Amino acid sequence: LTADLPEHMARTWDFFGWDVRKAPADPFIFYGAGPKK
């Protein structure tokens, strides 16, 4: 289950040009720390 950012955080993300659609569902996998590891 996934929850969208609240309005105040969404404004901050927009301010920095960060796109939540491009964010990894599990950012830890890229650092070798996925759930199975």
All heavy atoms as atom14 arrays in JSON, in Angstrom:
{
  "sequence": "LTADLPEHMARTWDFFGWDVRKAPADPFIFYGAGPKK",
  "atom14_mask": [
    [1, 1, 1, 1, 1, 1, 1, 1, 0, 0, 0, 0, 0, 0],
    [1, 1, 1, 1, 1, 1, 1, 0, 0, 0, 0, 0, 0, 0],
    [1, 1, 1, 1, 1, 0, 0, 0, 0, 0, 0, 0, 0, 0],
    [1, 1, 1, 1, 1, 1, 1, 1, 0, 0, 0, 0, 0, 0],
    [1, 1, 1, 1, 1, 1, 1, 1, 0, 0, 0, 0, 0, 0],
    [1, 1, 1, 1, 1, 1, 1, 0, 0, 0, 0, 0, 0, 0],
    [1, 1, 1, 1, 1, 1, 1, 1, 1, 0, 0, 0, 0, 0],
    [1, 1, 1, 1, 1, 1, 1, 1, 1, 1, 0, 0, 0, 0],
    [1, 1, 1, 1, 1, 1, 1, 1, 0, 0, 0, 0, 0, 0],
    [1, 1, 1, 1, 1, 0, 0, 0, 0, 0, 0, 0, 0, 0],
    [1, 1, 1, 1, 1, 1, 1, 1, 1, 1, 1, 0, 0, 0],
    [1, 1, 1, 1, 1, 1, 1, 0, 0, 0, 0, 0, 0, 0],
    [1, 1, 1, 1, 1, 1, 1, 1, 1, 1, 1, 1, 1, 1],
    [1, 1, 1, 1, 1, 1, 1, 1, 0, 0, 0, 0, 0, 0],
    [1, 1, 1, 1, 1, 1, 1, 1, 1, 1, 1, 0, 0, 0],
    [1, 1, 1, 1, 1, 1, 1, 1, 1, 1, 1, 0, 0, 0],
    [1, 1, 1, 1, 0, 0, 0, 0, 0, 0, 0, 0, 0, 0],
    [1, 1, 1, 1, 1, 1, 1, 1, 1, 1, 1, 1, 1, 1],
    [1, 1, 1, 1, 1, 1, 1, 1, 0, 0, 0, 0, 0, 0],
    [1, 1, 1, 1, 1, 1, 1, 0, 0, 0, 0, 0, 0, 0],
    [1, 1, 1, 1, 1, 1, 1, 1, 1, 1, 1, 0, 0, 0],
    [1, 1, 1, 1, 1, 1, 1, 1, 1, 0, 0, 0, 0, 0],
    [1, 1, 1, 1, 1, 0, 0, 0, 0, 0, 0, 0, 0, 0],
    [1, 1, 1, 1, 1, 1, 1, 0, 0, 0, 0, 0, 0, 0],
    [1, 1, 1, 1, 1, 0, 0, 0, 0, 0, 0, 0, 0, 0],
    [1, 1, 1, 1, 1, 1, 1, 1, 0, 0, 0, 0, 0, 0],
    [1, 1, 1, 1, 1, 1, 1, 0, 0, 0, 0, 0, 0, 0],
    [1, 1, 1, 1, 1, 1, 1, 1, 1, 1, 1, 0, 0, 0],
    [1, 1, 1, 1, 1, 1, 1, 1, 0, 0, 0, 0, 0, 0],
    [1, 1, 1, 1, 1, 1, 1, 1, 1, 1, 1, 0, 0, 0],
    [1, 1, 1, 1, 1, 1, 1, 1, 1, 1, 1, 1, 0, 0],
    [1, 1, 1, 1, 0, 0, 0, 0, 0, 0, 0, 0, 0, 0],
    [1, 1, 1, 1, 1, 0, 0, 0, 0, 0, 0, 0, 0, 0],
    [1, 1, 1, 1, 0, 0, 0, 0, 0, 0, 0, 0, 0, 0],
    [1, 1, 1, 1, 1, 1, 1, 0, 0, 0, 0, 0, 0, 0],
    [1, 1, 1, 1, 1, 1, 1, 1, 1, 0, 0, 0, 0, 0],
    [1, 1, 1, 1, 1, 1, 1, 1, 1, 0, 0, 0, 0, 0]
  ],
  "atom14_positions": [
    [[0.85, -1.18, 0.0], [0.0, 0.0, 0.0], [0.88, 1.23, 0.0], [1.91, 1.28, 0.69], [-0.91, -0.01, 1.23], [-1.79, -1.26, 1.35], [-2.08, -1.58, 2.79], [-3.07, -1.07, 0.56], [0.0, 0.0, 0.0], [0.0, 0.0, 0.0], [0.0, 0.0, 0.0], [0.0, 0.0, 0.0], [0.0, 0.0, 0.0], [0.0, 0.0, 0.0]],
    [[0.5, 2.24, -0.77], [1.3, 3.44, -0.95], [0.44, 4.68, -0.75], [-0.7, 4.73, -1.22], [1.93, 3.47, -2.35], [2.71, 2.28, -2.55], [2.85, 4.68, -2.52], [0.0, 0.0, 0.0], [0.0, 0.0, 0.0], [0.0, 0.0, 0.0], [0.0, 0.0, 0.0], [0.0, 0.0, 0.0], [0.0, 0.0, 0.0], [0.0, 0.0, 0.0]],
    [[1.0, 5.68, -0.08], [0.27, 6.92, 0.2], [0.96, 8.11, -0.45], [2.19, 8.27, -0.34], [0.18, 7.15, 1.72], [0.0, 0.0, 0.0], [0.0, 0.0, 0.0], [0.0, 0.0, 0.0], [0.0, 0.0, 0.0], [0.0, 0.0, 0.0], [0.0, 0.0, 0.0], [0.0, 0.0, 0.0], [0.0, 0.0, 0.0], [0.0, 0.0, 0.0]],
    [[0.18, 8.96, -1.12], [0.71, 10.17, -1.74], [1.23, 11.13, -0.67], [0.77, 11.12, 0.48], [-0.37, 10.88, -2.56], [-0.77, 10.1, -3.8], [0.02, 9.25, -4.25], [-1.89, 10.33, -4.31], [0.0, 0.0, 0.0], [0.0, 0.0, 0.0], [0.0, 0.0, 0.0], [0.0, 0.0, 0.0], [0.0, 0.0, 0.0], [0.0, 0.0, 0.0]],
    [[2.16, 11.99, -1.06], [2.69, 13.0, -0.15], [1.58, 13.95, 0.3], [0.69, 14.29, -0.48], [3.78, 13.81, -0.83], [5.14, 13.13, -1.05], [6.03, 14.05, -1.87], [5.8, 12.79, 0.27], [0.0, 0.0, 0.0], [0.0, 0.0, 0.0], [0.0, 0.0, 0.0], [0.0, 0.0, 0.0], [0.0, 0.0, 0.0], [0.0, 0.0, 0.0]],
    [[1.66, 14.44, 1.54], [0.72, 15.48, 1.96], [1.02, 16.78, 1.22], [2.11, 16.94, 0.63], [1.0, 15.62, 3.46], [2.43, 15.22, 3.6], [2.64, 14.12, 2.59], [0.0, 0.0, 0.0], [0.0, 0.0, 0.0], [0.0, 0.0, 0.0], [0.0, 0.0, 0.0], [0.0, 0.0, 0.0], [0.0, 0.0, 0.0], [0.0, 0.0, 0.0]],
    [[0.09, 17.7, 1.26], [0.2, 18.92, 0.46], [1.48, 19.69, 0.76], [2.16, 20.17, -0.16], [-1.02, 19.81, 0.7], [-1.02, 21.07, -0.14], [-2.26, 21.94, 0.11], [-3.13, 21.49, 0.88], [-2.33, 23.03, -0.47], [0.0, 0.0, 0.0], [0.0, 0.0, 0.0], [0.0, 0.0, 0.0], [0.0, 0.0, 0.0], [0.0, 0.0, 0.0]],
    [[1.85, 19.83, 2.05], [3.02, 20.66, 2.36], [4.31, 20.02, 1.86], [5.22, 20.73, 1.41], [3.1, 20.94, 3.87], [3.49, 19.78, 4.71], [2.6, 18.78, 5.06], [4.69, 19.43, 5.28], [3.22, 17.89, 5.82], [4.48, 18.25, 5.96], [0.0, 0.0, 0.0], [0.0, 0.0, 0.0], [0.0, 0.0, 0.0], [0.0, 0.0, 0.0]],
    [[4.39, 18.7, 1.87], [5.58, 18.04, 1.34], [5.57, 18.05, -0.19], [6.62, 18.2, -0.82], [5.69, 16.62, 1.88], [6.05, 16.55, 3.36], [6.22, 14.85, 4.02], [7.69, 14.28, 3.16], [0.0, 0.0, 0.0], [0.0, 0.0, 0.0], [0.0, 0.0, 0.0], [0.0, 0.0, 0.0], [0.0, 0.0, 0.0], [0.0, 0.0, 0.0]],
    [[4.4, 17.91, -0.79], [4.31, 17.96, -2.25], [4.79, 19.32, -2.77], [5.47, 19.39, -3.8], [2.88, 17.7, -2.7], [0.0, 0.0, 0.0], [0.0, 0.0, 0.0], [0.0, 0.0, 0.0], [0.0, 0.0, 0.0], [0.0, 0.0, 0.0], [0.0, 0.0, 0.0], [0.0, 0.0, 0.0], [0.0, 0.0, 0.0], [0.0, 0.0, 0.0]],
    [[4.45, 20.4, -2.05], [4.92, 21.74, -2.44], [6.44, 21.82, -2.36], [7.09, 22.42, -3.23], [4.28, 22.81, -1.57], [2.79, 23.02, -1.82], [2.34, 24.37, -1.27], [2.65, 24.52, 0.15], [1.83, 24.19, 1.13], [0.64, 23.67, 0.86], [2.19, 24.36, 2.4], [0.0, 0.0, 0.0], [0.0, 0.0, 0.0], [0.0, 0.0, 0.0]],
    [[7.01, 21.24, -1.32], [8.47, 21.25, -1.18], [9.13, 20.46, -2.31], [10.12, 20.9, -2.9], [8.87, 20.65, 0.18], [8.33, 21.46, 1.23], [10.39, 20.59, 0.33], [0.0, 0.0, 0.0], [0.0, 0.0, 0.0], [0.0, 0.0, 0.0], [0.0, 0.0, 0.0], [0.0, 0.0, 0.0], [0.0, 0.0, 0.0], [0.0, 0.0, 0.0]],
    [[8.57, 19.29, -2.62], [9.12, 18.47, -3.71], [9.05, 19.24, -5.04], [9.98, 19.2, -5.83], [8.36, 17.15, -3.79], [9.0, 16.0, -3.07], [9.31, 14.78, -3.61], [9.4, 15.92, -1.69], [9.87, 13.95, -2.65], [9.94, 14.63, -1.47], [9.36, 16.82, -0.63], [10.43, 14.22, -0.23], [9.85, 16.42, 0.62], [10.37, 15.14, 0.8]],
    [[7.93, 19.94, -5.28], [7.79, 20.74, -6.49], [8.82, 21.86, -6.52], [9.38, 22.18, -7.58], [6.38, 21.33, -6.58], [5.33, 20.29, -6.92], [5.7, 19.2, -7.4], [4.13, 20.56, -6.7], [0.0, 0.0, 0.0], [0.0, 0.0, 0.0], [0.0, 0.0, 0.0], [0.0, 0.0, 0.0], [0.0, 0.0, 0.0], [0.0, 0.0, 0.0]],
    [[9.09, 22.46, -5.37], [10.06, 23.56, -5.26], [11.43, 23.11, -5.74], [12.15, 23.84, -6.42], [10.12, 24.06, -3.82], [11.1, 25.16, -3.58], [10.79, 26.48, -3.89], [12.35, 24.88, -3.05], [11.71, 27.5, -3.68], [13.28, 25.89, -2.82], [12.96, 27.21, -3.14], [0.0, 0.0, 0.0], [0.0, 0.0, 0.0], [0.0, 0.0, 0.0]],
    [[11.81, 21.87, -5.39], [13.12, 21.36, -5.77], [13.1, 20.61, -7.1], [14.15, 20.15, -7.57], [13.67, 20.44, -4.68], [14.06, 21.18, -3.42], [13.37, 20.98, -2.24], [15.11, 22.08, -3.43], [13.72, 21.65, -1.1], [15.48, 22.77, -2.28], [14.77, 22.57, -1.1], [0.0, 0.0, 0.0], [0.0, 0.0, 0.0], [0.0, 0.0, 0.0]],
    [[11.92, 20.47, -7.7], [11.82, 19.77, -8.97], [11.97, 18.27, -8.86], [12.37, 17.6, -9.83], [0.0, 0.0, 0.0], [0.0, 0.0, 0.0], [0.0, 0.0, 0.0], [0.0, 0.0, 0.0], [0.0, 0.0, 0.0], [0.0, 0.0, 0.0], [0.0, 0.0, 0.0], [0.0, 0.0, 0.0], [0.0, 0.0, 0.0], [0.0, 0.0, 0.0]],
    [[11.65, 17.72, -7.7], [11.75, 16.28, -7.5], [10.47, 15.6, -7.97], [9.37, 16.0, -7.61], [11.98, 15.96, -6.02], [13.32, 16.41, -5.53], [14.44, 16.66, -6.26], [13.67, 16.67, -4.16], [15.47, 17.05, -5.45], [15.03, 17.07, -4.14], [12.99, 16.61, -2.95], [15.7, 17.39, -2.98], [13.65, 16.92, -1.79], [15.0, 17.31, -1.79]],
    [[10.61, 14.54, -8.75], [9.47, 13.83, -9.34], [9.26, 12.51, -8.61], [10.08, 11.59, -8.71], [9.73, 13.58, -10.83], [8.51, 13.04, -11.56], [7.54, 12.62, -10.89], [8.53, 13.04, -12.81], [0.0, 0.0, 0.0], [0.0, 0.0, 0.0], [0.0, 0.0, 0.0], [0.0, 0.0, 0.0], [0.0, 0.0, 0.0], [0.0, 0.0, 0.0]],
    [[8.16, 12.4, -7.86], [7.91, 11.18, -7.09], [7.7, 9.98, -8.0], [7.92, 8.83, -7.58], [6.69, 11.36, -6.14], [6.94, 12.48, -5.14], [5.42, 11.63, -6.93], [0.0, 0.0, 0.0], [0.0, 0.0, 0.0], [0.0, 0.0, 0.0], [0.0, 0.0, 0.0], [0.0, 0.0, 0.0], [0.0, 0.0, 0.0], [0.0, 0.0, 0.0]],
    [[7.29, 10.23, -9.24], [7.05, 9.12, -10.17], [8.34, 8.41, -10.55], [8.31, 7.25, -10.98], [6.33, 9.63, -11.42], [4.94, 10.19, -11.16], [4.39, 10.88, -12.39], [5.23, 12.01, -12.78], [4.98, 12.8, -13.83], [3.93, 12.54, -14.61], [5.78, 13.81, -14.12], [0.0, 0.0, 0.0], [0.0, 0.0, 0.0], [0.0, 0.0, 0.0]],
    [[9.45, 9.08, -10.41], [10.74, 8.49, -10.77], [11.46, 7.88, -9.57], [12.54, 7.31, -9.72], [11.63, 9.55, -11.42], [11.07, 10.09, -12.73], [11.99, 11.14, -13.34], [11.43, 11.68, -14.64], [12.3, 12.73, -15.24], [0.0, 0.0, 0.0], [0.0, 0.0, 0.0], [0.0, 0.0, 0.0], [0.0, 0.0, 0.0], [0.0, 0.0, 0.0]],
    [[10.86, 8.01, -8.42], [11.5, 7.49, -7.21], [11.34, 5.97, -7.15], [10.3, 5.42, -7.5], [10.87, 8.12, -5.97], [0.0, 0.0, 0.0], [0.0, 0.0, 0.0], [0.0, 0.0, 0.0], [0.0, 0.0, 0.0], [0.0, 0.0, 0.0], [0.0, 0.0, 0.0], [0.0, 0.0, 0.0], [0.0, 0.0, 0.0], [0.0, 0.0, 0.0]],
    [[12.37, 5.25, -6.71], [12.26, 3.79, -6.59], [11.27, 3.42, -5.48], [11.22, 4.09, -4.44], [13.68, 3.36, -6.23], [14.28, 4.56, -5.57], [13.69, 5.75, -6.27], [0.0, 0.0, 0.0], [0.0, 0.0, 0.0], [0.0, 0.0, 0.0], [0.0, 0.0, 0.0], [0.0, 0.0, 0.0], [0.0, 0.0, 0.0], [0.0, 0.0, 0.0]],
    [[10.52, 2.38, -5.72], [9.59, 1.92, -4.68], [10.35, 1.49, -3.44], [9.89, 1.69, -2.31], [8.74, 0.76, -5.21], [0.0, 0.0, 0.0], [0.0, 0.0, 0.0], [0.0, 0.0, 0.0], [0.0, 0.0, 0.0], [0.0, 0.0, 0.0], [0.0, 0.0, 0.0], [0.0, 0.0, 0.0], [0.0, 0.0, 0.0], [0.0, 0.0, 0.0]],
    [[11.52, 0.9, -3.64], [12.37, 0.49, -2.52], [13.77, 1.04, -2.77], [14.58, 0.43, -3.48], [12.4, -1.03, -2.4], [13.19, -1.5, -1.17], [13.89, -0.68, -0.56], [13.08, -2.69, -0.83], [0.0, 0.0, 0.0], [0.0, 0.0, 0.0], [0.0, 0.0, 0.0], [0.0, 0.0, 0.0], [0.0, 0.0, 0.0], [0.0, 0.0, 0.0]],
    [[14.1, 2.22, -2.22], [15.4, 2.84, -2.48], [16.57, 2.04, -1.91], [17.71, 2.25, -2.32], [15.27, 4.21, -1.8], [14.25, 4.0, -0.73], [13.27, 3.02, -1.3], [0.0, 0.0, 0.0], [0.0, 0.0, 0.0], [0.0, 0.0, 0.0], [0.0, 0.0, 0.0], [0.0, 0.0, 0.0], [0.0, 0.0, 0.0], [0.0, 0.0, 0.0]],
    [[16.31, 1.12, -1.0], [17.39, 0.38, -0.36], [18.0, -0.68, -1.27], [19.13, -1.1, -1.06], [16.87, -0.26, 0.94], [16.31, 0.75, 1.9], [14.97, 1.07, 1.89], [17.14, 1.38, 2.81], [14.45, 2.01, 2.76], [16.64, 2.34, 3.68], [15.29, 2.65, 3.65], [0.0, 0.0, 0.0], [0.0, 0.0, 0.0], [0.0, 0.0, 0.0]],
    [[17.24, -1.11, -2.28], [17.75, -2.12, -3.2], [19.01, -1.64, -3.91], [19.95, -2.4, -4.13], [16.66, -2.5, -4.24], [15.54, -3.29, -3.54], [17.25, -3.33, -5.37], [14.38, -3.64, -4.46], [0.0, 0.0, 0.0], [0.0, 0.0, 0.0], [0.0, 0.0, 0.0], [0.0, 0.0, 0.0], [0.0, 0.0, 0.0], [0.0, 0.0, 0.0]],
    [[19.06, -0.34, -4.22], [20.2, 0.21, -4.93], [21.47, 0.21, -4.09], [22.57, 0.35, -4.59], [19.9, 1.62, -5.41], [18.82, 1.68, -6.45], [17.53, 2.01, -6.11], [19.09, 1.37, -7.77], [16.52, 2.06, -7.07], [18.1, 1.4, -8.74], [16.81, 1.75, -8.37], [0.0, 0.0, 0.0], [0.0, 0.0, 0.0], [0.0, 0.0, 0.0]],
    [[21.29, 0.06, -2.78], [22.45, 0.04, -1.88], [22.69, -1.35, -1.3], [23.36, -1.51, -0.29], [22.23, 1.04, -0.74], [22.1, 2.47, -1.22], [20.85, 3.05, -1.4], [23.24, 3.23, -1.49], [20.73, 4.36, -1.85], [23.13, 4.55, -1.94], [21.86, 5.1, -2.11], [21.75, 6.4, -2.55], [0.0, 0.0, 0.0], [0.0, 0.0, 0.0]],
    [[22.08, -2.37, -1.94], [22.29, -3.74, -1.49], [21.6, -4.07, -0.19], [22.05, -4.94, 0.56], [0.0, 0.0, 0.0], [0.0, 0.0, 0.0], [0.0, 0.0, 0.0], [0.0, 0.0, 0.0], [0.0, 0.0, 0.0], [0.0, 0.0, 0.0], [0.0, 0.0, 0.0], [0.0, 0.0, 0.0], [0.0, 0.0, 0.0], [0.0, 0.0, 0.0]],
    [[20.48, -3.38, 0.09], [19.77, -3.62, 1.35], [18.29, -3.83, 1.11], [17.45, -3.31, 1.82], [19.98, -2.44, 2.31], [0.0, 0.0, 0.0], [0.0, 0.0, 0.0], [0.0, 0.0, 0.0], [0.0, 0.0, 0.0], [0.0, 0.0, 0.0], [0.0, 0.0, 0.0], [0.0, 0.0, 0.0], [0.0, 0.0, 0.0], [0.0, 0.0, 0.0]],
    [[17.97, -4.58, 0.04], [16.58, -4.91, -0.21], [16.03, -5.8, 0.88], [16.76, -6.34, 1.71], [0.0, 0.0, 0.0], [0.0, 0.0, 0.0], [0.0, 0.0, 0.0], [0.0, 0.0, 0.0], [0.0, 0.0, 0.0], [0.0, 0.0, 0.0], [0.0, 0.0, 0.0], [0.0, 0.0, 0.0], [0.0, 0.0, 0.0], [0.0, 0.0, 0.0]],
    [[14.72, -6.03, 0.91], [14.09, -6.8, 1.97], [14.7, -8.18, 2.19], [14.83, -8.62, 3.32], [12.64, -6.91, 1.5], [12.43, -5.73, 0.62], [13.75, -5.51, -0.06], [0.0, 0.0, 0.0], [0.0, 0.0, 0.0], [0.0, 0.0, 0.0], [0.0, 0.0, 0.0], [0.0, 0.0, 0.0], [0.0, 0.0, 0.0], [0.0, 0.0, 0.0]],
    [[15.11, -8.89, 1.13], [15.63, -10.24, 1.3], [17.05, -10.23, 1.84], [17.51, -11.22, 2.39], [15.58, -10.99, -0.04], [14.16, -11.25, -0.54], [14.17, -12.05, -1.82], [12.74, -12.31, -2.31], [12.72, -13.07, -3.56], [0.0, 0.0, 0.0], [0.0, 0.0, 0.0], [0.0, 0.0, 0.0], [0.0, 0.0, 0.0], [0.0, 0.0, 0.0]],
    [[17.77, -9.11, 1.66], [19.15, -9.06, 2.14], [19.25, -8.43, 3.51], [20.31, -8.47, 4.14], [20.01, -8.24, 1.16], [20.08, -8.84, -0.24], [20.96, -7.99, -1.12], [21.03, -8.56, -2.54], [21.9, -7.77, -3.41], [0.0, 0.0, 0.0], [0.0, 0.0, 0.0], [0.0, 0.0, 0.0], [0.0, 0.0, 0.0], [0.0, 0.0, 0.0]]
  ]
}
